[in-house]
Amino acid sequence: MNEFLTKDMFLVASLIHDGVKYSRMENDLTDIHKKVFIFEESDEIERVKSERANGTLVVNALSYEDALRRIKTLIHS
């Protein structure tokens, strides 16, 4: 199984919002203050990344905020 890794919390929130399968979070080996979020590889990841870069990604504000809260809970637990 291929995986997609990112440290970008806002990309993580976008991916979770769009239903991409989240696998786990690990400590960043190069910076103890950062985390790496790991997702199952999916075509949706490239779509979300592309739409974010182009400014065309549409999200529900409340769902996106909820995704950010969940990420922060994971980081601080």
PDB file of N, CA and C in Angstrom:
ATOM      1  N   MET A   1       0.844  -1.185   0.000  1.00  0.00           N
ATOM      2  CA  MET A   1       0.000   0.000   0.000  1.00  0.00           C
ATOM      3  C   MET A   1       0.884   1.240   0.000  1.00  0.00           C
ATOM      4  N   ASN A   2       0.655   2.128  -0.952  1.00  0.00           N
ATOM      5  CA  ASN A   2       1.394   3.381  -1.017  1.00  0.00           C
ATOM      6  C   ASN A   2       0.759   4.390  -0.075  1.00  0.00           C
ATOM      7  N   GLU A   3       1.609   5.285   0.406  1.00  0.00           N
ATOM      8  CA  GLU A   3       1.139   6.288   1.345  1.00  0.00           C
ATOM      9  C   GLU A   3       1.547   7.679   0.886  1.00  0.00           C
ATOM     10  N   PHE A   4       0.789   8.671   1.317  1.00  0.00           N
ATOM     11  CA  PHE A   4       1.083  10.071   1.063  1.00  0.00           C
ATOM     12  C   PHE A   4       1.377  10.722   2.401  1.00  0.00           C
ATOM     13  N   LEU A   5       2.512  11.414   2.509  1.00  0.00           N
ATOM     14  CA  LEU A   5       2.920  12.070   3.745  1.00  0.00           C
ATOM     15  C   LEU A   5       2.954  13.573   3.549  1.00  0.00           C
ATOM     16  N   THR A   6       2.511  14.310   4.566  1.00  0.00           N
ATOM     17  CA  THR A   6       2.580  15.772   4.524  1.00  0.00           C
ATOM     18  C   THR A   6       2.673  16.332   5.942  1.00  0.00           C
ATOM     19  N   LYS A   7       3.308  17.499   6.036  1.00  0.00           N
ATOM     20  CA  LYS A   7       3.379  18.235   7.297  1.00  0.00           C
ATOM     21  C   LYS A   7       2.423  19.427   7.282  1.00  0.00           C
ATOM     22  N   ASP A   8       1.794  19.681   6.148  1.00  0.00           N
ATOM     23  CA  ASP A   8       0.936  20.852   5.936  1.00  0.00           C
ATOM     24  C   ASP A   8      -0.433  20.632   6.586  1.00  0.00           C
ATOM     25  N   MET A   9      -0.649  21.260   7.736  1.00  0.00           N
ATOM     26  CA  MET A   9      -1.876  21.059   8.502  1.00  0.00           C
ATOM     27  C   MET A   9      -3.119  21.487   7.714  1.00  0.00           C
ATOM     28  N   PHE A  10      -3.007  22.521   6.901  1.00  0.00           N
ATOM     29  CA  PHE A  10      -4.169  22.992   6.141  1.00  0.00           C
ATOM     30  C   PHE A  10      -4.493  22.039   4.994  1.00  0.00           C
ATOM     31  N   LEU A  11      -3.464  21.441   4.383  1.00  0.00           N
ATOM     32  CA  LEU A  11      -3.702  20.397   3.386  1.00  0.00           C
ATOM     33  C   LEU A  11      -4.335  19.187   4.049  1.00  0.00           C
ATOM     34  N   VAL A  12      -3.850  18.834   5.228  1.00  0.00           N
ATOM     35  CA  VAL A  12      -4.428  17.708   5.976  1.00  0.00           C
ATOM     36  C   VAL A  12      -5.919  17.959   6.222  1.00  0.00           C
ATOM     37  N   ALA A  13      -6.273  19.162   6.655  1.00  0.00           N
ATOM     38  CA  ALA A  13      -7.683  19.482   6.898  1.00  0.00           C
ATOM     39  C   ALA A  13      -8.495  19.374   5.611  1.00  0.00           C
ATOM     40  N   SER A  14      -7.933  19.824   4.501  1.00  0.00           N
ATOM     41  CA  SER A  14      -8.625  19.724   3.221  1.00  0.00           C
ATOM     42  C   SER A  14      -8.831  18.273   2.818  1.00  0.00           C
ATOM     43  N   LEU A  15      -7.811  17.451   3.021  1.00  0.00           N
ATOM     44  CA  LEU A  15      -7.912  16.035   2.668  1.00  0.00           C
ATOM     45  C   LEU A  15      -8.951  15.323   3.536  1.00  0.00           C
ATOM     46  N   ILE A  16      -8.913  15.583   4.837  1.00  0.00           N
ATOM     47  CA  ILE A  16      -9.896  14.972   5.738  1.00  0.00           C
ATOM     48  C   ILE A  16     -11.298  15.440   5.365  1.00  0.00           C
ATOM     49  N   HIS A  17     -11.438  16.735   5.103  1.00  0.00           N
ATOM     50  CA  HIS A  17     -12.733  17.297   4.700  1.00  0.00           C
ATOM     51  C   HIS A  17     -13.287  16.582   3.472  1.00  0.00           C
ATOM     52  N   ASP A  18     -12.406  16.259   2.515  1.00  0.00           N
ATOM     53  CA  ASP A  18     -12.843  15.629   1.277  1.00  0.00           C
ATOM     54  C   ASP A  18     -12.886  14.099   1.366  1.00  0.00           C
ATOM     55  N   GLY A  19     -12.692  13.559   2.565  1.00  0.00           N
ATOM     56  CA  GLY A  19     -12.888  12.133   2.777  1.00  0.00           C
ATOM     57  C   GLY A  19     -11.733  11.230   2.405  1.00  0.00           C
ATOM     58  N   VAL A  20     -10.526  11.797   2.251  1.00  0.00           N
ATOM     59  CA  VAL A  20      -9.360  10.966   1.968  1.00  0.00           C
ATOM     60  C   VAL A  20      -9.035  10.162   3.225  1.00  0.00           C
ATOM     61  N   LYS A  21      -8.701   8.904   3.060  1.00  0.00           N
ATOM     62  CA  LYS A  21      -8.488   7.974   4.179  1.00  0.00           C
ATOM     63  C   LYS A  21      -7.214   8.324   4.939  1.00  0.00           C
ATOM     64  N   TYR A  22      -7.383   8.835   6.167  1.00  0.00           N
ATOM     65  CA  TYR A  22      -6.280   9.166   7.071  1.00  0.00           C
ATOM     66  C   TYR A  22      -5.784   7.881   7.725  1.00  0.00           C
ATOM     67  N   SER A  23      -4.458   7.685   7.746  1.00  0.00           N
ATOM     68  CA  SER A  23      -3.891   6.474   8.349  1.00  0.00           C
ATOM     69  C   SER A  23      -3.370   6.716   9.757  1.00  0.00           C
ATOM     70  N   ARG A  24      -2.448   7.683   9.855  1.00  0.00           N
ATOM     71  CA  ARG A  24      -1.828   7.910  11.166  1.00  0.00           C
ATOM     72  C   ARG A  24      -0.985   9.187  11.141  1.00  0.00           C
ATOM     73  N   MET A  25      -0.485   9.543  12.320  1.00  0.00           N
ATOM     74  CA  MET A  25       0.403  10.687  12.481  1.00  0.00           C
ATOM     75  C   MET A  25       1.671  10.185  13.152  1.00  0.00           C
ATOM     76  N   GLU A  26       2.813  10.702  12.723  1.00  0.00           N
ATOM     77  CA  GLU A  26       4.089  10.332  13.324  1.00  0.00           C
ATOM     78  C   GLU A  26       4.875  11.596  13.629  1.00  0.00           C
ATOM     79  N   ASN A  27       5.868  11.476  14.489  1.00  0.00           N
ATOM     80  CA  ASN A  27       6.756  12.596  14.762  1.00  0.00           C
ATOM     81  C   ASN A  27       7.657  12.824  13.553  1.00  0.00           C
ATOM     82  N   ASP A  28       7.937  14.080  13.262  1.00  0.00           N
ATOM     83  CA  ASP A  28       8.865  14.430  12.197  1.00  0.00           C
ATOM     84  C   ASP A  28      10.278  14.172  12.716  1.00  0.00           C
ATOM     85  N   LEU A  29      11.037  13.372  12.002  1.00  0.00           N
ATOM     86  CA  LEU A  29      12.389  13.012  12.447  1.00  0.00           C
ATOM     87  C   LEU A  29      13.373  14.165  12.315  1.00  0.00           C
ATOM     88  N   THR A  30      13.039  15.189  11.515  1.00  0.00           N
ATOM     89  CA  THR A  30      13.951  16.316  11.321  1.00  0.00           C
ATOM     90  C   THR A  30      13.615  17.522  12.193  1.00  0.00           C
ATOM     91  N   ASP A  31      12.425  17.536  12.795  1.00  0.00           N
ATOM     92  CA  ASP A  31      12.001  18.676  13.620  1.00  0.00           C
ATOM     93  C   ASP A  31      11.049  18.160  14.697  1.00  0.00           C
ATOM     94  N   ILE A  32      11.505  18.149  15.935  1.00  0.00           N
ATOM     95  CA  ILE A  32      10.703  17.571  17.024  1.00  0.00           C
ATOM     96  C   ILE A  32       9.410  18.346  17.284  1.00  0.00           C
ATOM     97  N   HIS A  33       9.301  19.543  16.739  1.00  0.00           N
ATOM     98  CA  HIS A  33       8.109  20.367  16.944  1.00  0.00           C
ATOM     99  C   HIS A  33       7.035  20.133  15.883  1.00  0.00           C
ATOM    100  N   LYS A  34       7.316  19.261  14.924  1.00  0.00           N
ATOM    101  CA  LYS A  34       6.373  19.026  13.833  1.00  0.00           C
ATOM    102  C   LYS A  34       5.921  17.572  13.789  1.00  0.00           C
ATOM    103  N   LYS A  35       4.782  17.376  13.138  1.00  0.00           N
ATOM    104  CA  LYS A  35       4.213  16.050  12.934  1.00  0.00           C
ATOM    105  C   LYS A  35       4.102  15.787  11.440  1.00  0.00           C
ATOM    106  N   VAL A  36       4.092  14.517  11.084  1.00  0.00           N
ATOM    107  CA  VAL A  36       3.873  14.102   9.701  1.00  0.00           C
ATOM    108  C   VAL A  36       2.556  13.345   9.681  1.00  0.00           C
ATOM    109  N   PHE A  37       1.665  13.740   8.786  1.00  0.00           N
ATOM    110  CA  PHE A  37       0.372  13.088   8.643  1.00  0.00           C
ATOM    111  C   PHE A  37       0.437  12.154   7.447  1.00  0.00           C
ATOM    112  N   ILE A  38      -0.089  10.960   7.632  1.00  0.00           N
ATOM    113  CA  ILE A  38       0.028   9.927   6.613  1.00  0.00           C
ATOM    114  C   ILE A  38      -1.366   9.485   6.180  1.00  0.00           C
ATOM    115  N   PHE A  39      -1.566   9.480   4.859  1.00  0.00           N
ATOM    116  CA  PHE A  39      -2.829   9.088   4.251  1.00  0.00           C
ATOM    117  C   PHE A  39      -2.592   7.923   3.300  1.00  0.00           C
ATOM    118  N   GLU A  40      -3.634   7.135   3.072  1.00  0.00           N
ATOM    119  CA  GLU A  40      -3.571   6.119   2.036  1.00  0.00           C
ATOM    120  C   GLU A  40      -3.542   6.839   0.693  1.00  0.00           C
ATOM    121  N   GLU A  41      -2.673   6.393  -0.199  1.00  0.00           N
ATOM    122  CA  GLU A  41      -2.557   7.018  -1.524  1.00  0.00           C
ATOM    123  C   GLU A  41      -3.893   6.948  -2.251  1.00  0.00           C
ATOM    124  N   SER A  42      -4.237   8.046  -2.936  1.00  0.00           N
ATOM    125  CA  SER A  42      -5.529   8.146  -3.606  1.00  0.00           C
ATOM    126  C   SER A  42      -5.452   9.203  -4.695  1.00  0.00           C
ATOM    127  N   ASP A  43      -6.248   9.041  -5.752  1.00  0.00           N
ATOM    128  CA  ASP A  43      -6.336  10.059  -6.800  1.00  0.00           C
ATOM    129  C   ASP A  43      -6.905  11.357  -6.246  1.00  0.00           C
ATOM    130  N   GLU A  44      -7.704  11.265  -5.198  1.00  0.00           N
ATOM    131  CA  GLU A  44      -8.308  12.449  -4.586  1.00  0.00           C
ATOM    132  C   GLU A  44      -7.245  13.401  -4.035  1.00  0.00           C
ATOM    133  N   ILE A  45      -6.121  12.857  -3.602  1.00  0.00           N
ATOM    134  CA  ILE A  45      -5.063  13.704  -3.032  1.00  0.00           C
ATOM    135  C   ILE A  45      -4.555  14.685  -4.080  1.00  0.00           C
ATOM    136  N   GLU A  46      -4.266  14.192  -5.269  1.00  0.00           N
ATOM    137  CA  GLU A  46      -3.770  15.068  -6.334  1.00  0.00           C
ATOM    138  C   GLU A  46      -4.828  16.092  -6.741  1.00  0.00           C
ATOM    139  N   ARG A  47      -6.107  15.676  -6.757  1.00  0.00           N
ATOM    140  CA  ARG A  47      -7.176  16.609  -7.087  1.00  0.00           C
ATOM    141  C   ARG A  47      -7.243  17.736  -6.056  1.00  0.00           C
ATOM    142  N   VAL A  48      -7.222  17.370  -4.766  1.00  0.00           N
ATOM    143  CA  VAL A  48      -7.294  18.371  -3.700  1.00  0.00           C
ATOM    144  C   VAL A  48      -6.082  19.301  -3.765  1.00  0.00           C
ATOM    145  N   LYS A  49      -4.891  18.746  -3.936  1.00  0.00           N
ATOM    146  CA  LYS A  49      -3.683  19.575  -4.029  1.00  0.00           C
ATOM    147  C   LYS A  49      -3.772  20.542  -5.201  1.00  0.00           C
ATOM    148  N   SER A  50      -4.218  20.056  -6.339  1.00  0.00           N
ATOM    149  CA  SER A  50      -4.333  20.887  -7.534  1.00  0.00           C
ATOM    150  C   SER A  50      -5.372  21.991  -7.353  1.00  0.00           C
ATOM    151  N   GLU A  51      -6.538  21.632  -6.832  1.00  0.00           N
ATOM    152  CA  GLU A  51      -7.582  22.630  -6.624  1.00  0.00           C
ATOM    153  C   GLU A  51      -7.173  23.659  -5.580  1.00  0.00           C
ATOM    154  N   ARG A  52      -6.457  23.253  -4.549  1.00  0.00           N
ATOM    155  CA  ARG A  52      -5.964  24.222  -3.554  1.00  0.00           C
ATOM    156  C   ARG A  52      -4.990  25.193  -4.201  1.00  0.00           C
ATOM    157  N   ALA A  53      -4.073  24.646  -5.014  1.00  0.00           N
ATOM    158  CA  ALA A  53      -3.070  25.489  -5.670  1.00  0.00           C
ATOM    159  C   ALA A  53      -3.712  26.477  -6.638  1.00  0.00           C
ATOM    160  N   ASN A  54      -4.796  26.049  -7.284  1.00  0.00           N
ATOM    161  CA  ASN A  54      -5.487  26.906  -8.247  1.00  0.00           C
ATOM    162  C   ASN A  54      -6.525  27.818  -7.603  1.00  0.00           C
ATOM    163  N   GLY A  55      -6.792  27.625  -6.330  1.00  0.00           N
ATOM    164  CA  GLY A  55      -7.793  28.429  -5.636  1.00  0.00           C
ATOM    165  C   GLY A  55      -9.217  28.043  -5.985  1.00  0.00           C
ATOM    166  N   THR A  56      -9.411  26.811  -6.441  1.00  0.00           N
ATOM    167  CA  THR A  56     -10.751  26.374  -6.850  1.00  0.00           C
ATOM    168  C   THR A  56     -11.349  25.320  -5.921  1.00  0.00           C
ATOM    169  N   LEU A  57     -10.635  24.945  -4.870  1.00  0.00           N
ATOM    170  CA  LEU A  57     -11.168  23.959  -3.929  1.00  0.00           C
ATOM    171  C   LEU A  57     -12.295  24.592  -3.121  1.00  0.00           C
ATOM    172  N   VAL A  58     -13.444  23.947  -3.126  1.00  0.00           N
ATOM    173  CA  VAL A  58     -14.602  24.448  -2.381  1.00  0.00           C
ATOM    174  C   VAL A  58     -14.811  23.543  -1.179  1.00  0.00           C
ATOM    175  N   VAL A  59     -14.890  24.151   0.010  1.00  0.00           N
ATOM    176  CA  VAL A  59     -15.125  23.383   1.237  1.00  0.00           C
ATOM    177  C   VAL A  59     -16.259  24.014   2.016  1.00  0.00           C
ATOM    178  N   ASN A  60     -16.916  23.197   2.810  1.00  0.00           N
ATOM    179  CA  ASN A  60     -17.903  23.688   3.760  1.00  0.00           C
ATOM    180  C   ASN A  60     -17.124  24.223   4.959  1.00  0.00           C
ATOM    181  N   ALA A  61     -17.339  25.471   5.299  1.00  0.00           N
ATOM    182  CA  ALA A  61     -16.556  26.123   6.357  1.00  0.00           C
ATOM    183  C   ALA A  61     -16.628  25.372   7.683  1.00  0.00           C
ATOM    184  N   LEU A  62     -17.814  24.932   8.080  1.00  0.00           N
ATOM    185  CA  LEU A  62     -17.946  24.244   9.363  1.00  0.00           C
ATOM    186  C   LEU A  62     -17.243  22.894   9.345  1.00  0.00           C
ATOM    187  N   SER A  63     -17.326  22.169   8.232  1.00  0.00           N
ATOM    188  CA  SER A  63     -16.650  20.874   8.119  1.00  0.00           C
ATOM    189  C   SER A  63     -15.134  21.051   8.126  1.00  0.00           C
ATOM    190  N   TYR A  64     -14.661  22.096   7.452  1.00  0.00           N
ATOM    191  CA  TYR A  64     -13.226  22.378   7.417  1.00  0.00           C
ATOM    192  C   TYR A  64     -12.722  22.743   8.816  1.00  0.00           C
ATOM    193  N   GLU A  65     -13.465  23.578   9.523  1.00  0.00           N
ATOM    194  CA  GLU A  65     -13.092  23.939  10.896  1.00  0.00           C
ATOM    195  C   GLU A  65     -13.083  22.709  11.790  1.00  0.00           C
ATOM    196  N   ASP A  66     -14.061  21.824  11.616  1.00  0.00           N
ATOM    197  CA  ASP A  66     -14.103  20.591  12.391  1.00  0.00           C
ATOM    198  C   ASP A  66     -12.865  19.736  12.113  1.00  0.00           C
ATOM    199  N   ALA A  67     -12.461  19.655  10.844  1.00  0.00           N
ATOM    200  CA  ALA A  67     -11.256  18.901  10.490  1.00  0.00           C
ATOM    201  C   ALA A  67     -10.028  19.505  11.166  1.00  0.00           C
ATOM    202  N   LEU A  68      -9.926  20.835  11.188  1.00  0.00           N
ATOM    203  CA  LEU A  68      -8.803  21.494  11.873  1.00  0.00           C
ATOM    204  C   LEU A  68      -8.807  21.181  13.370  1.00  0.00           C
ATOM    205  N   ARG A  69      -9.989  21.202  13.992  1.00  0.00           N
ATOM    206  CA  ARG A  69     -10.080  20.875  15.423  1.00  0.00           C
ATOM    207  C   ARG A  69      -9.612  19.439  15.680  1.00  0.00           C
ATOM    208  N   ARG A  70     -10.029  18.513  14.818  1.00  0.00           N
ATOM    209  CA  ARG A  70      -9.620  17.113  14.992  1.00  0.00           C
ATOM    210  C   ARG A  70      -8.105  16.967  14.859  1.00  0.00           C
ATOM    211  N   ILE A  71      -7.516  17.682  13.927  1.00  0.00           N
ATOM    212  CA  ILE A  71      -6.060  17.629  13.744  1.00  0.00           C
ATOM    213  C   ILE A  71      -5.362  18.158  14.990  1.00  0.00           C
ATOM    214  N   LYS A  72      -5.817  19.275  15.500  1.00  0.00           N
ATOM    215  CA  LYS A  72      -5.214  19.850  16.702  1.00  0.00           C
ATOM    216  C   LYS A  72      -5.345  18.907  17.896  1.00  0.00           C
ATOM    217  N   THR A  73      -6.476  18.220  17.985  1.00  0.00           N
ATOM    218  CA  THR A  73      -6.662  17.238  19.060  1.00  0.00           C
ATOM    219  C   THR A  73      -5.655  16.110  18.915  1.00  0.00           C
ATOM    220  N   LEU A  74      -5.443  15.637  17.692  1.00  0.00           N
ATOM    221  CA  LEU A  74      -4.453  14.579  17.464  1.00  0.00           C
ATOM    222  C   LEU A  74      -3.055  15.048  17.853  1.00  0.00           C
ATOM    223  N   ILE A  75      -2.712  16.254  17.468  1.00  0.00           N
ATOM    224  CA  ILE A  75      -1.369  16.791  17.751  1.00  0.00           C
ATOM    225  C   ILE A  75      -1.123  16.906  19.253  1.00  0.00           C
ATOM    226  N   HIS A  76      -2.141  17.336  19.992  1.00  0.00           N
ATOM    227  CA  HIS A  76      -1.950  17.624  21.418  1.00  0.00           C
ATOM    228  C   HIS A  76      -2.351  16.482  22.349  1.00  0.00           C
ATOM    229  N   SER A  77      -2.684  15.344  21.781  1.00  0.00           N
ATOM    230  CA  SER A  77      -3.065  14.225  22.655  1.00  0.00           C
ATOM    231  C   SER A  77      -1.891  13.311  22.935  1.00  0.00           C
TER     232      SER A  77
END
